[in-house]
Amino acid sequence: MLNVGDFIPEFKLQDQNGNWVQVNGKHPNKRLIYFYPKDETFHCTKQACSINNNWDEIVNAKVDVFGISADNTISHKQFESKYNLKFTLLSDLKNNVRKSFGAQQLFGLIPLRVSYLVNEEGMIIYAFSSILAGEKHVEKVLEEIRKIS
């Protein structure tokens, strides 16, 4: 798994609208890049809705959010629409980006839930991993955002 101080790999994935999104080191804002197991599952839904519930604070801190799973763009669009999600969902169908971040699978079965807070230069400034604590990911990232804002 990538750690604090590591630089993120460059990648390009489709979002929930079918648009290609290029993510690389340099970016005008900080980024929350989080990997989650699957759309519409209990903890994943709680995590996504928790991001929405704290959206104003996240936007005010100039943090862009990218949620990544192996679900396809249609699934992401349905997930976004059902919960009125305000952020980008990226489709990593073959888990190549997940692998490049080292956020693969627990016991080879369940994709890990990992959140990375990345600065404008592409360096990871905070990382948190917990498979079942979807809302806790958002709490921990917000604590870190408050420290650096």
Protein backbone atom coordinates (compact mmCIF):
# COMPACT_ATOMS: atom_id res chain seq x y z
CA MET A 1 0.00 0.00 0.00
CA LEU A 2 1.24 3.51 -0.77
CA ASN A 3 2.05 5.53 2.34
CA VAL A 4 2.39 9.11 3.51
CA GLY A 5 5.25 10.71 1.59
CA ASP A 6 4.75 8.58 -1.53
CA PHE A 7 3.70 10.20 -4.78
CA ILE A 8 0.59 8.91 -6.50
CA PRO A 9 0.87 7.16 -9.85
CA GLU A 10 -0.65 8.86 -12.87
CA PHE A 11 -3.85 7.26 -14.14
CA LYS A 12 -6.79 7.77 -16.47
CA LEU A 13 -10.27 6.30 -15.84
CA GLN A 14 -13.85 6.92 -16.95
CA ASP A 15 -16.19 8.73 -14.61
CA GLN A 16 -19.88 8.08 -13.97
CA ASN A 17 -20.76 10.13 -17.08
CA GLY A 18 -18.43 8.20 -19.38
CA ASN A 19 -15.86 11.02 -19.54
CA TRP A 20 -12.17 10.20 -19.26
CA VAL A 21 -10.51 11.73 -16.21
CA GLN A 22 -6.73 12.08 -16.05
CA VAL A 23 -5.26 12.20 -12.54
CA ASN A 24 -1.59 13.03 -12.10
CA GLY A 25 0.78 14.61 -9.62
CA LYS A 26 0.22 18.29 -10.24
CA HIS A 27 -3.29 19.56 -9.51
CA PRO A 28 -4.63 22.96 -8.42
CA ASN A 29 -6.37 21.44 -5.36
CA LYS A 30 -5.74 18.76 -2.80
CA ARG A 31 -7.46 15.47 -3.57
CA LEU A 32 -9.23 12.80 -1.62
CA ILE A 33 -8.74 9.61 -3.62
CA TYR A 34 -10.57 6.75 -2.04
CA PHE A 35 -10.95 3.12 -3.04
CA TYR A 36 -14.09 1.30 -2.02
CA PRO A 37 -15.43 -2.22 -2.64
CA LYS A 38 -18.76 -1.75 -4.43
CA ASP A 39 -21.58 0.67 -5.23
CA GLU A 40 -24.80 0.27 -3.24
CA THR A 41 -23.29 -1.77 -0.40
CA PHE A 42 -23.93 -0.71 3.19
CA HIS A 43 -20.53 0.71 4.20
CA CYS A 44 -19.81 2.14 0.75
CA THR A 45 -23.11 3.99 0.73
CA LYS A 46 -22.48 5.32 4.25
CA GLN A 47 -19.05 6.55 3.16
CA ALA A 48 -20.33 8.28 0.03
CA CYS A 49 -23.23 9.91 1.87
CA SER A 50 -20.86 11.04 4.63
CA ILE A 51 -18.76 12.82 2.02
CA ASN A 52 -21.92 14.49 0.72
CA ASN A 53 -22.95 15.48 4.26
CA ASN A 54 -19.60 17.23 4.73
CA TRP A 55 -19.39 18.61 1.22
CA ASP A 56 -19.23 22.31 2.13
CA GLU A 57 -16.24 21.78 4.42
CA ILE A 58 -14.49 19.65 1.80
CA VAL A 59 -15.06 22.22 -0.96
CA ASN A 60 -14.05 25.13 1.29
CA ALA A 61 -10.76 23.33 1.98
CA LYS A 62 -10.22 23.07 -1.79
CA VAL A 63 -10.27 19.27 -1.89
CA ASP A 64 -11.47 17.41 -4.99
CA VAL A 65 -12.94 13.96 -4.38
CA PHE A 66 -12.48 10.84 -6.51
CA GLY A 67 -14.14 7.58 -5.44
CA ILE A 68 -12.77 4.51 -7.24
CA SER A 69 -14.15 0.98 -7.51
CA ALA A 70 -14.33 -1.79 -10.11
CA ASP A 71 -17.99 -1.01 -10.82
CA ASN A 72 -18.80 0.11 -14.35
CA THR A 73 -19.86 3.61 -15.35
CA ILE A 74 -23.57 2.64 -15.45
CA SER A 75 -23.43 1.39 -11.86
CA HIS A 76 -21.60 4.56 -10.81
CA LYS A 77 -24.19 6.76 -12.51
CA GLN A 78 -27.04 4.94 -10.75
CA PHE A 79 -25.21 5.23 -7.41
CA GLU A 80 -24.58 8.95 -7.98
CA SER A 81 -28.19 9.59 -8.98
CA LYS A 82 -29.78 7.59 -6.17
CA TYR A 83 -27.84 9.46 -3.44
CA ASN A 84 -27.29 12.77 -5.29
CA LEU A 85 -23.53 12.40 -4.92
CA LYS A 86 -21.58 15.57 -5.58
CA PHE A 87 -18.22 14.08 -6.50
CA THR A 88 -16.52 12.03 -9.19
CA LEU A 89 -16.79 8.24 -9.26
CA LEU A 90 -14.17 6.49 -11.37
CA SER A 91 -14.47 3.04 -12.90
CA ASP A 92 -11.38 0.85 -12.45
CA LEU A 93 -12.80 -2.25 -14.15
CA LYS A 94 -9.61 -4.33 -14.04
CA ASN A 95 -8.41 -2.91 -10.69
CA ASN A 96 -5.19 -1.69 -12.31
CA VAL A 97 -5.24 1.66 -10.49
CA ARG A 98 -6.17 -0.06 -7.22
CA LYS A 99 -3.14 -2.34 -7.68
CA SER A 100 -0.84 0.60 -8.48
CA PHE A 101 -1.83 2.15 -5.13
CA GLY A 102 -1.40 -1.20 -3.37
CA ALA A 103 -5.01 -1.11 -2.15
CA GLN A 104 -5.84 -4.58 -3.44
CA GLN A 105 -7.80 -7.15 -1.47
CA LEU A 106 -8.24 -8.46 2.03
CA PHE A 107 -7.39 -12.18 2.04
CA GLY A 108 -7.69 -12.07 -1.77
CA LEU A 109 -11.47 -11.68 -1.52
CA ILE A 110 -12.68 -8.24 -0.50
CA PRO A 111 -11.31 -5.07 -2.13
CA LEU A 112 -9.79 -2.81 0.53
CA ARG A 113 -11.33 0.49 1.56
CA VAL A 114 -8.46 2.98 1.54
CA SER A 115 -8.54 6.78 1.59
CA TYR A 116 -5.63 8.95 0.48
CA LEU A 117 -5.42 12.69 1.00
CA VAL A 118 -3.05 14.03 -1.65
CA ASN A 119 -1.49 17.49 -1.86
CA GLU A 120 -1.27 19.67 -4.96
CA GLU A 121 2.12 18.16 -5.88
CA GLY A 122 0.75 14.59 -5.88
CA MET A 123 2.25 13.51 -2.56
CA ILE A 124 0.16 11.50 -0.11
CA ILE A 125 -0.19 13.53 3.09
CA TYR A 126 -2.60 11.18 4.86
CA ALA A 127 -3.73 7.58 4.37
CA PHE A 128 -6.35 5.54 6.21
CA SER A 129 -7.44 1.95 5.66
CA SER A 130 -10.39 0.21 7.27
CA ILE A 131 -12.68 -2.17 5.42
CA LEU A 132 -15.84 -1.67 7.49
CA ALA A 133 -15.58 1.89 8.74
CA GLY A 134 -16.92 3.87 5.78
CA GLU A 135 -17.96 6.91 7.79
CA LYS A 136 -14.77 6.79 9.86
CA HIS A 137 -12.76 7.37 6.66
CA VAL A 138 -14.49 10.70 6.17
CA GLU A 139 -14.08 11.68 9.85
CA LYS A 140 -10.35 10.90 9.74
CA VAL A 141 -9.78 12.77 6.47
CA LEU A 142 -11.72 15.79 7.78
CA GLU A 143 -9.55 15.83 10.93
CA GLU A 144 -6.47 15.92 8.71
CA ILE A 145 -7.94 18.63 6.45
CA ARG A 146 -8.63 20.78 9.53
CA LYS A 147 -5.01 20.41 10.65
CA ILE A 148 -3.60 21.67 7.34
CA SER A 149 -6.20 24.30 6.46
